[in-house]
Amino acid sequence: MQAVQRLAGGDQGVIADAGIGIVGAGLIAMAAWGPPPGLFGTAMIPGPLWLRAVLPLLLGVPLMLRRRAPLVMWAAIWAAILLLALLAHNAERGVAFTFVLFTAAYSLGAHAPLRRAATALAITAPVIVLIASHHGLALAFHQDSGVSAVPLSLLQLVAFWLAGVFVRDRRQAASLAARSAALERQAEQAAAAERARIARELHDIVAHHLSVVVLHAAGARASGGADLQTLEEIEYSGRQALTETRRLFGVLRDPDEESGRAPQPGIGELPALVGSLRAAGLEVRLAIDGDHEALSSAVNVSAYRIVQEALTNVLKHAGPARAEVMVDCTDIAVTIEVTDDGPGNPAPPAGSGGQGLPGMRERVALFGGELRAGPRPGGGFTVSAWLPAGEPP
């Protein structure tokens, strides 16, 4: 959208510059061929016929370059003025020359770099002095106003040049302010995306490990006591939750520090995840095909979290069930399928505020992948995800 707006603005600028060039050429043509003395000059421009024929082009066409090549425009206009003064010995005055030279001075200040514009104006000063002293040059005022034409002409051109410089500075300030606002919006969007990512990570970590702890505690309460292995599993799940939570909050405290940060889990840690769930009483069968080590870290983490969340939902919502996890890794994509045969529904009910399936959808959407989740025809639930193997777009 911004590119289209810039192109549209550029087209409007070209059209405006063309119109200014046509107006300037038309005024010069009227001064060269038009009515008797009056509005467009003190006298018709004398000189060779060919000079009067090409003069509107020499003074009008350069104005069309006022934005794209202001220095070229300025040099071409003053070369034409000098040529006219040398061949016609004419006093350049009146509305026609005033419009062309004032527009050129303003455009030089508004569209040329400041140092180059000032240098061009300084180089032109001797030409202005020469023409004003020997051939006459009156801009907006006639020489009979009682004021010397040389300082008056220079003063007026410098005034319009300074007006152009002022407008350019204001335009640049507005552009910088707009760019700063755009960068601030991007930073806010990035911060919001990072907060959402950390919220998903915390949900996945806490929901999984607390579900395991709750199931172990419930089993121990039902059996009338907790054996050593059950307590060890509860301790392990609690420590894992604390470790990964500290890692996330460590990222928030110091995002630039890489040392001491625990690596994020990936597909290679799925056997340990499945082992902890089996100890909690959920029968899980895991099958991993392909080389997952060649995958990017982002895909590895997302695949792990999708499996973790799907199995956590089975623990919380499916009731007594068996689960199967199949992960297929190729050079193109990672395919994940988690199924169960439980009588319950692993998807959290509407309005429960659960982040499981929405979080999985967000992870998959980040890579431009696909996620399907729903009940199985014969009972149970299926979560299928397809992730492209590359980094997120």
Protein backbone atom coordinates (compact mmCIF):
# COMPACT_ATOMS: atom_id res chain seq x y z
CA MET A 1 0.00 0.00 0.00
CA GLN A 2 2.80 2.43 0.88
CA ALA A 3 4.58 1.62 -2.39
CA VAL A 4 1.39 2.36 -4.34
CA GLN A 5 0.99 5.66 -2.49
CA ARG A 6 4.58 6.62 -3.27
CA LEU A 7 4.07 5.80 -6.95
CA ALA A 8 0.85 7.81 -7.03
CA GLY A 9 2.57 10.74 -5.35
CA GLY A 10 5.42 10.53 -7.87
CA ASP A 11 2.97 10.62 -10.78
CA GLN A 12 1.27 13.69 -9.33
CA GLY A 13 4.65 15.40 -8.93
CA VAL A 14 5.59 14.69 -12.55
CA ILE A 15 2.26 16.09 -13.75
CA ALA A 16 2.63 19.20 -11.59
CA ASP A 17 6.18 19.82 -12.83
CA ALA A 18 5.06 19.38 -16.43
CA GLY A 19 2.32 21.94 -15.84
CA ILE A 20 4.78 24.43 -14.34
CA GLY A 21 7.11 23.95 -17.30
CA ILE A 22 4.28 24.54 -19.75
CA VAL A 23 3.20 27.71 -17.92
CA GLY A 24 6.78 29.02 -17.92
CA ALA A 25 7.22 28.25 -21.62
CA GLY A 26 3.88 29.90 -22.40
CA LEU A 27 4.80 33.11 -20.55
CA ILE A 28 8.16 33.31 -22.31
CA ALA A 29 6.46 32.68 -25.66
CA MET A 30 4.03 35.51 -25.03
CA ALA A 31 6.92 37.78 -24.08
CA ALA A 32 8.73 36.81 -27.30
CA TRP A 33 5.79 36.75 -29.71
CA GLY A 34 2.84 38.09 -27.83
CA PRO A 35 1.14 41.45 -27.23
CA PRO A 36 2.84 44.84 -27.13
CA PRO A 37 4.56 46.13 -23.99
CA GLY A 38 2.57 45.64 -20.84
CA LEU A 39 2.06 42.67 -18.55
CA PHE A 40 4.63 40.33 -20.06
CA GLY A 41 7.55 42.72 -20.40
CA THR A 42 8.70 46.22 -21.16
CA ALA A 43 9.17 45.27 -24.83
CA MET A 44 9.01 42.25 -27.04
CA ILE A 45 12.20 40.21 -26.86
CA PRO A 46 14.49 41.27 -29.69
CA GLY A 47 17.10 39.10 -31.28
CA PRO A 48 17.35 36.46 -33.98
CA LEU A 49 14.20 34.69 -35.04
CA TRP A 50 15.60 31.27 -34.14
CA LEU A 51 16.44 32.47 -30.62
CA ARG A 52 12.91 33.71 -29.99
CA ALA A 53 11.61 30.41 -31.36
CA VAL A 54 13.64 28.19 -29.03
CA LEU A 55 13.69 30.51 -25.99
CA PRO A 56 10.36 29.19 -24.56
CA LEU A 57 11.83 25.69 -24.67
CA LEU A 58 15.15 26.80 -23.18
CA LEU A 59 13.46 28.51 -20.23
CA GLY A 60 10.27 26.48 -19.82
CA VAL A 61 11.29 22.84 -20.33
CA PRO A 62 14.00 22.89 -17.59
CA LEU A 63 11.29 23.66 -15.02
CA MET A 64 9.94 20.17 -15.64
CA LEU A 65 13.13 18.88 -13.95
CA ARG A 66 12.66 20.94 -10.80
CA ARG A 67 12.18 17.87 -8.56
CA ARG A 68 14.21 15.18 -10.34
CA ALA A 69 17.26 17.29 -11.32
CA PRO A 70 17.09 20.75 -9.71
CA LEU A 71 20.77 21.50 -10.32
CA VAL A 72 20.45 20.70 -14.02
CA MET A 73 17.32 22.87 -14.17
CA TRP A 74 19.11 25.81 -12.54
CA ALA A 75 22.16 25.57 -14.81
CA ALA A 76 20.04 25.23 -17.99
CA ILE A 77 17.86 28.26 -17.17
CA TRP A 78 20.81 30.54 -16.43
CA ALA A 79 22.63 29.34 -19.53
CA ALA A 80 19.57 30.36 -21.56
CA ILE A 81 19.39 33.74 -19.79
CA LEU A 82 23.09 34.34 -20.48
CA LEU A 83 22.64 33.35 -24.13
CA LEU A 84 19.74 35.79 -24.47
CA ALA A 85 21.72 38.59 -22.86
CA LEU A 86 24.73 38.05 -25.14
CA LEU A 87 22.81 37.70 -28.42
CA ALA A 88 19.86 40.04 -27.93
CA HIS A 89 21.31 42.60 -25.50
CA ASN A 90 17.88 42.58 -23.89
CA ALA A 91 16.76 43.62 -20.43
CA GLU A 92 15.23 40.49 -18.92
CA ARG A 93 12.29 41.73 -16.93
CA GLY A 94 8.55 41.32 -16.49
CA VAL A 95 6.22 38.53 -15.30
CA ALA A 96 7.60 35.90 -17.68
CA PHE A 97 11.20 36.04 -16.45
CA THR A 98 10.07 36.66 -12.87
CA PHE A 99 7.96 33.48 -12.83
CA VAL A 100 10.71 31.33 -14.34
CA LEU A 101 13.54 32.59 -12.12
CA PHE A 102 11.53 32.70 -8.89
CA THR A 103 10.24 29.18 -9.51
CA ALA A 104 13.77 27.98 -10.30
CA ALA A 105 15.21 29.57 -7.15
CA TYR A 106 12.49 28.09 -4.95
CA SER A 107 12.87 24.63 -6.55
CA LEU A 108 16.65 24.73 -6.10
CA GLY A 109 16.23 25.32 -2.37
CA ALA A 110 13.35 22.86 -1.94
CA HIS A 111 14.66 19.86 -3.88
CA ALA A 112 18.47 20.06 -4.12
CA PRO A 113 20.86 19.08 -1.28
CA LEU A 114 21.60 22.15 0.82
CA ARG A 115 25.34 22.35 0.15
CA ARG A 116 25.00 21.79 -3.59
CA ALA A 117 22.12 24.27 -3.79
CA ALA A 118 24.13 26.94 -1.94
CA THR A 119 27.15 26.26 -4.17
CA ALA A 120 25.01 26.57 -7.32
CA LEU A 121 23.54 29.85 -6.07
CA ALA A 122 27.02 31.20 -5.27
CA ILE A 123 28.37 30.20 -8.69
CA THR A 124 25.42 31.89 -10.37
CA ALA A 125 25.92 35.17 -8.49
CA PRO A 126 28.61 36.51 -10.89
CA VAL A 127 26.32 35.73 -13.85
CA ILE A 128 23.49 37.64 -12.16
CA VAL A 129 25.81 40.59 -11.50
CA LEU A 130 27.05 40.56 -15.10
CA ILE A 131 23.57 40.46 -16.63
CA ALA A 132 22.10 43.00 -14.22
CA SER A 133 25.00 45.41 -14.66
CA HIS A 134 25.36 45.34 -18.46
CA HIS A 135 22.04 44.16 -19.83
CA GLY A 136 19.51 44.83 -17.11
CA LEU A 137 17.69 42.31 -14.96
CA ALA A 138 14.59 43.28 -13.01
CA LEU A 139 12.61 40.70 -11.08
CA ALA A 140 9.14 41.79 -9.94
CA PHE A 141 10.25 45.45 -9.89
CA HIS A 142 11.49 47.67 -12.70
CA GLN A 143 14.87 49.29 -12.63
CA ASP A 144 13.30 52.74 -12.40
CA SER A 145 12.18 51.91 -8.85
CA GLY A 146 15.22 53.74 -7.57
CA VAL A 147 16.92 50.64 -6.19
CA SER A 148 19.97 49.11 -7.83
CA ALA A 149 19.01 46.10 -9.94
CA VAL A 150 22.00 43.99 -8.84
CA PRO A 151 21.36 43.76 -5.07
CA LEU A 152 17.59 43.75 -5.60
CA SER A 153 17.74 40.82 -8.03
CA LEU A 154 20.10 38.87 -5.80
CA LEU A 155 17.98 39.59 -2.73
CA GLN A 156 14.78 38.38 -4.35
CA LEU A 157 16.37 35.18 -5.70
CA VAL A 158 17.96 34.42 -2.33
CA ALA A 159 14.61 35.04 -0.61
CA PHE A 160 12.84 32.48 -2.81
CA TRP A 161 15.74 30.06 -2.42
CA LEU A 162 15.50 30.36 1.38
CA ALA A 163 11.74 29.77 1.17
CA GLY A 164 12.47 26.54 -0.69
CA VAL A 165 15.06 25.51 1.94
CA PHE A 166 12.52 26.16 4.70
CA VAL A 167 9.85 24.07 2.97
CA ARG A 168 12.33 21.25 2.39
CA ASP A 169 13.35 21.23 6.06
CA ARG A 170 9.71 21.11 7.12
CA ARG A 171 9.04 18.30 4.69
CA GLN A 172 12.03 16.32 5.95
CA ALA A 173 10.95 16.87 9.56
CA ALA A 174 7.47 15.59 8.75
CA SER A 175 8.96 12.59 6.95
CA LEU A 176 11.22 11.77 9.91
CA ALA A 177 8.28 12.08 12.30
CA ALA A 178 6.20 9.72 10.15
CA ARG A 179 9.07 7.25 9.93
CA SER A 180 9.60 7.40 13.70
CA ALA A 181 5.90 6.75 14.25
CA ALA A 182 6.01 3.80 11.84
CA LEU A 183 9.05 2.33 13.61
CA GLU A 184 7.32 2.77 16.97
CA ARG A 185 4.26 0.93 15.67
CA GLN A 186 6.48 -1.87 14.39
CA ALA A 187 8.20 -2.09 17.77
CA GLU A 188 4.84 -2.28 19.53
CA GLN A 189 3.68 -5.01 17.16
CA ALA A 190 6.92 -6.95 17.72
CA ALA A 191 6.53 -6.60 21.49
CA ALA A 192 2.92 -7.79 21.30
CA ALA A 193 3.96 -10.78 19.18
CA GLU A 194 6.72 -11.62 21.65
CA ARG A 195 4.31 -11.39 24.58
CA ALA A 196 1.93 -13.73 22.76
CA ARG A 197 4.77 -16.17 22.06
CA ILE A 198 5.89 -16.16 25.70
CA ALA A 199 2.28 -16.61 26.83
CA ARG A 200 1.99 -19.68 24.59
CA GLU A 201 5.27 -21.06 25.93
CA LEU A 202 4.23 -20.53 29.54
CA HIS A 203 0.85 -22.10 28.91
CA ASP A 204 2.38 -25.16 27.27
CA ILE A 205 4.98 -25.60 30.01
CA VAL A 206 2.76 -25.01 33.03
CA ALA A 207 -0.28 -26.86 31.68
CA HIS A 208 1.73 -29.95 30.79
CA HIS A 209 3.81 -30.29 33.94
CA LEU A 210 0.99 -29.39 36.32
CA SER A 211 -1.26 -31.93 34.60
CA VAL A 212 1.38 -34.60 35.21
CA VAL A 213 1.78 -33.51 38.84
CA VAL A 214 -2.00 -33.52 39.41
CA LEU A 215 -2.38 -37.00 37.91
CA HIS A 216 0.44 -38.38 40.05
CA ALA A 217 -1.02 -36.77 43.15
CA ALA A 218 -4.50 -38.08 42.33
CA GLY A 219 -3.10 -41.57 41.78
CA ALA A 220 -1.24 -41.45 45.06
CA ARG A 221 -4.36 -40.28 46.90
CA ALA A 222 -6.46 -43.02 45.33
CA SER A 223 -3.93 -45.69 46.33
CA GLY A 224 -3.72 -44.40 49.87
CA GLY A 225 -0.05 -43.41 49.69
CA ALA A 226 2.70 -42.32 47.37
CA ASP A 227 5.58 -44.62 46.49
CA LEU A 228 9.10 -43.38 45.83
CA GLN A 229 8.76 -43.49 42.03
CA THR A 230 5.58 -41.36 42.10
CA LEU A 231 7.26 -38.75 44.27
CA GLU A 232 10.26 -38.72 41.95
CA GLU A 233 8.00 -38.13 38.94
CA ILE A 234 6.22 -35.28 40.75
CA GLU A 235 9.57 -33.75 41.69
CA TYR A 236 10.90 -34.12 38.12
CA SER A 237 7.84 -32.49 36.57
CA GLY A 238 7.95 -29.63 39.04
CA ARG A 239 11.64 -29.04 38.43
CA GLN A 240 11.13 -29.10 34.65
CA ALA A 241 8.34 -26.54 34.93
CA LEU A 242 10.51 -24.28 37.10
CA THR A 243 13.53 -24.62 34.80
CA GLU A 244 11.65 -23.76 31.62
CA THR A 245 9.76 -20.93 33.32
CA ARG A 246 13.04 -19.45 34.57
CA ARG A 247 14.42 -19.72 31.02
CA LEU A 248 11.52 -17.71 29.63
CA PHE A 249 11.74 -15.04 32.30
CA GLY A 250 15.50 -14.95 31.74
CA VAL A 251 14.82 -14.03 28.13
CA LEU A 252 12.60 -11.19 29.34
CA ARG A 253 15.24 -9.88 31.73
CA ASP A 254 18.23 -10.04 29.38
CA PRO A 255 17.41 -10.85 25.74
CA ASP A 256 21.04 -10.40 24.61
CA GLU A 257 22.64 -12.85 27.00
CA GLU A 258 23.10 -16.30 25.49
CA SER A 259 25.24 -17.90 28.19
CA GLY A 260 23.48 -19.91 30.85
CA ARG A 261 20.28 -20.25 28.87
CA ALA A 262 18.88 -23.76 28.70
CA PRO A 263 18.29 -25.01 25.15
CA GLN A 264 14.69 -25.20 24.04
CA PRO A 265 13.23 -28.68 23.60
CA GLY A 266 12.78 -30.22 20.18
CA ILE A 267 11.68 -33.42 18.49
CA GLY A 268 14.66 -35.21 20.03
CA GLU A 269 13.16 -34.66 23.51
CA LEU A 270 9.82 -36.28 22.64
CA PRO A 271 10.85 -39.72 24.01
CA ALA A 272 11.50 -38.14 27.42
CA LEU A 273 8.15 -36.36 27.24
CA VAL A 274 6.37 -39.60 26.38
CA GLY A 275 8.20 -41.37 29.21
CA SER A 276 6.96 -38.88 31.78
CA LEU A 277 3.39 -39.26 30.51
CA ARG A 278 3.61 -43.07 30.69
CA ALA A 279 4.75 -42.74 34.29
CA ALA A 280 1.67 -40.58 34.89
CA GLY A 281 -0.57 -43.38 33.63
CA LEU A 282 -1.16 -42.41 29.99
CA GLU A 283 -0.28 -45.14 27.53
CA VAL A 284 1.52 -43.47 24.62
CA ARG A 285 3.12 -44.95 21.52
CA LEU A 286 5.68 -42.76 19.73
CA ALA A 287 7.01 -43.12 16.18
CA ILE A 288 9.54 -40.64 14.67
CA ASP A 289 10.60 -41.01 11.04
CA GLY A 290 13.21 -38.97 9.23
CA ASP A 291 16.08 -36.77 10.31
CA HIS A 292 14.80 -34.13 12.72
CA GLU A 293 18.28 -32.78 13.50
CA ALA A 294 18.43 -31.08 10.09
CA LEU A 295 15.34 -29.00 10.90
CA SER A 296 15.57 -25.41 12.04
CA SER A 297 15.34 -24.72 15.76
CA ALA A 298 12.04 -22.87 15.31
CA VAL A 299 10.40 -25.86 13.60
CA ASN A 300 11.85 -28.24 16.19
CA VAL A 301 10.48 -26.25 19.12
CA SER A 302 7.06 -25.77 17.52
CA ALA A 303 6.75 -29.48 16.70
CA TYR A 304 7.64 -30.40 20.27
CA ARG A 305 5.15 -27.90 21.72
CA ILE A 306 2.35 -29.10 19.44
CA VAL A 307 2.86 -32.73 20.54
CA GLN A 308 3.19 -31.64 24.17
CA GLU A 309 -0.03 -29.62 24.08
CA ALA A 310 -1.97 -32.35 22.26
CA LEU A 311 -0.91 -34.98 24.83
CA THR A 312 -1.62 -32.58 27.70
CA ASN A 313 -5.15 -32.16 26.35
CA VAL A 314 -5.50 -35.94 26.27
CA LEU A 315 -4.43 -36.08 29.91
CA LYS A 316 -6.85 -33.37 30.98
CA HIS A 317 -9.92 -34.06 28.87
CA ALA A 318 -9.92 -37.48 27.24
CA GLY A 319 -10.33 -39.62 30.34
CA PRO A 320 -8.91 -43.17 30.25
CA ALA A 321 -7.24 -43.37 26.87
CA ARG A 322 -4.33 -44.55 24.79
CA ALA A 323 -2.51 -42.12 22.55
CA GLU A 324 -0.39 -42.50 19.44
CA VAL A 325 2.11 -39.91 18.21
CA MET A 326 3.55 -40.05 14.71
CA VAL A 327 6.15 -37.51 13.54
CA ASP A 328 7.43 -37.65 9.97
CA CYS A 329 10.39 -35.37 9.11
CA THR A 330 11.43 -34.64 5.52
CA ASP A 331 13.42 -31.95 3.77
CA ILE A 332 10.15 -30.24 2.84
CA ALA A 333 7.94 -30.44 5.90
CA VAL A 334 7.21 -32.01 9.29
CA THR A 335 3.95 -33.93 9.65
CA ILE A 336 2.55 -34.53 13.13
CA GLU A 337 -0.41 -36.67 14.08
CA VAL A 338 -1.60 -37.26 17.65
CA THR A 339 -4.59 -39.55 18.12
CA ASP A 340 -6.32 -41.07 21.12
CA ASP A 341 -9.18 -43.49 21.70
CA GLY A 342 -10.55 -41.94 24.87
CA PRO A 343 -14.26 -41.41 25.49
CA GLY A 344 -13.79 -37.72 26.35
CA ASN A 345 -13.05 -34.69 24.18
CA PRO A 346 -9.43 -33.43 24.39
CA ALA A 347 -10.53 -30.05 23.02
CA PRO A 348 -11.39 -27.60 25.84
CA PRO A 349 -15.05 -26.61 25.87
CA ALA A 350 -16.12 -23.30 24.38
CA GLY A 351 -15.73 -20.39 26.76
CA SER A 352 -13.29 -22.24 28.99
CA GLY A 353 -10.45 -19.90 28.09
CA GLY A 354 -8.20 -22.79 27.08
CA GLN A 355 -5.18 -21.86 24.96
CA GLY A 356 -4.31 -25.35 23.68
CA LEU A 357 -5.84 -25.54 20.19
CA PRO A 358 -5.66 -21.76 19.56
CA GLY A 359 -2.00 -21.82 20.59
CA MET A 360 -1.31 -24.73 18.23
CA ARG A 361 -3.08 -22.92 15.39
CA GLU A 362 -0.98 -19.82 16.00
CA ARG A 363 2.22 -21.84 15.93
CA VAL A 364 1.25 -23.54 12.68
CA ALA A 365 0.07 -20.28 11.11
CA LEU A 366 3.45 -18.71 11.91
CA PHE A 367 5.05 -21.12 9.42
CA GLY A 368 2.22 -21.04 6.88
CA GLY A 369 1.30 -24.62 7.74
CA GLU A 370 -1.96 -26.43 8.38
CA LEU A 371 -3.67 -27.78 11.52
CA ARG A 372 -6.67 -30.07 11.74
CA ALA A 373 -8.28 -31.13 14.99
CA GLY A 374 -11.52 -32.96 15.64
CA PRO A 375 -13.24 -36.10 16.89
CA ARG A 376 -12.52 -39.42 15.23
CA PRO A 377 -15.43 -41.32 13.65
CA GLY A 378 -14.89 -44.35 15.89
CA GLY A 379 -14.32 -42.34 19.06
CA GLY A 380 -11.39 -40.38 20.34
CA PHE A 381 -9.71 -37.29 18.97
CA THR A 382 -7.11 -36.44 16.31
CA VAL A 383 -4.72 -33.51 16.00
CA SER A 384 -2.86 -33.29 12.68
CA ALA A 385 -0.31 -30.60 11.88
CA TRP A 386 1.82 -29.89 8.84
CA LEU A 387 4.79 -27.52 9.20
CA PRO A 388 7.08 -26.39 6.37
CA ALA A 389 10.68 -27.22 7.18
CA GLY A 390 12.01 -23.67 6.69
CA GLU A 391 12.14 -20.70 9.01
CA PRO A 392 8.92 -18.72 9.61
CA PRO A 393 8.17 -16.32 6.73
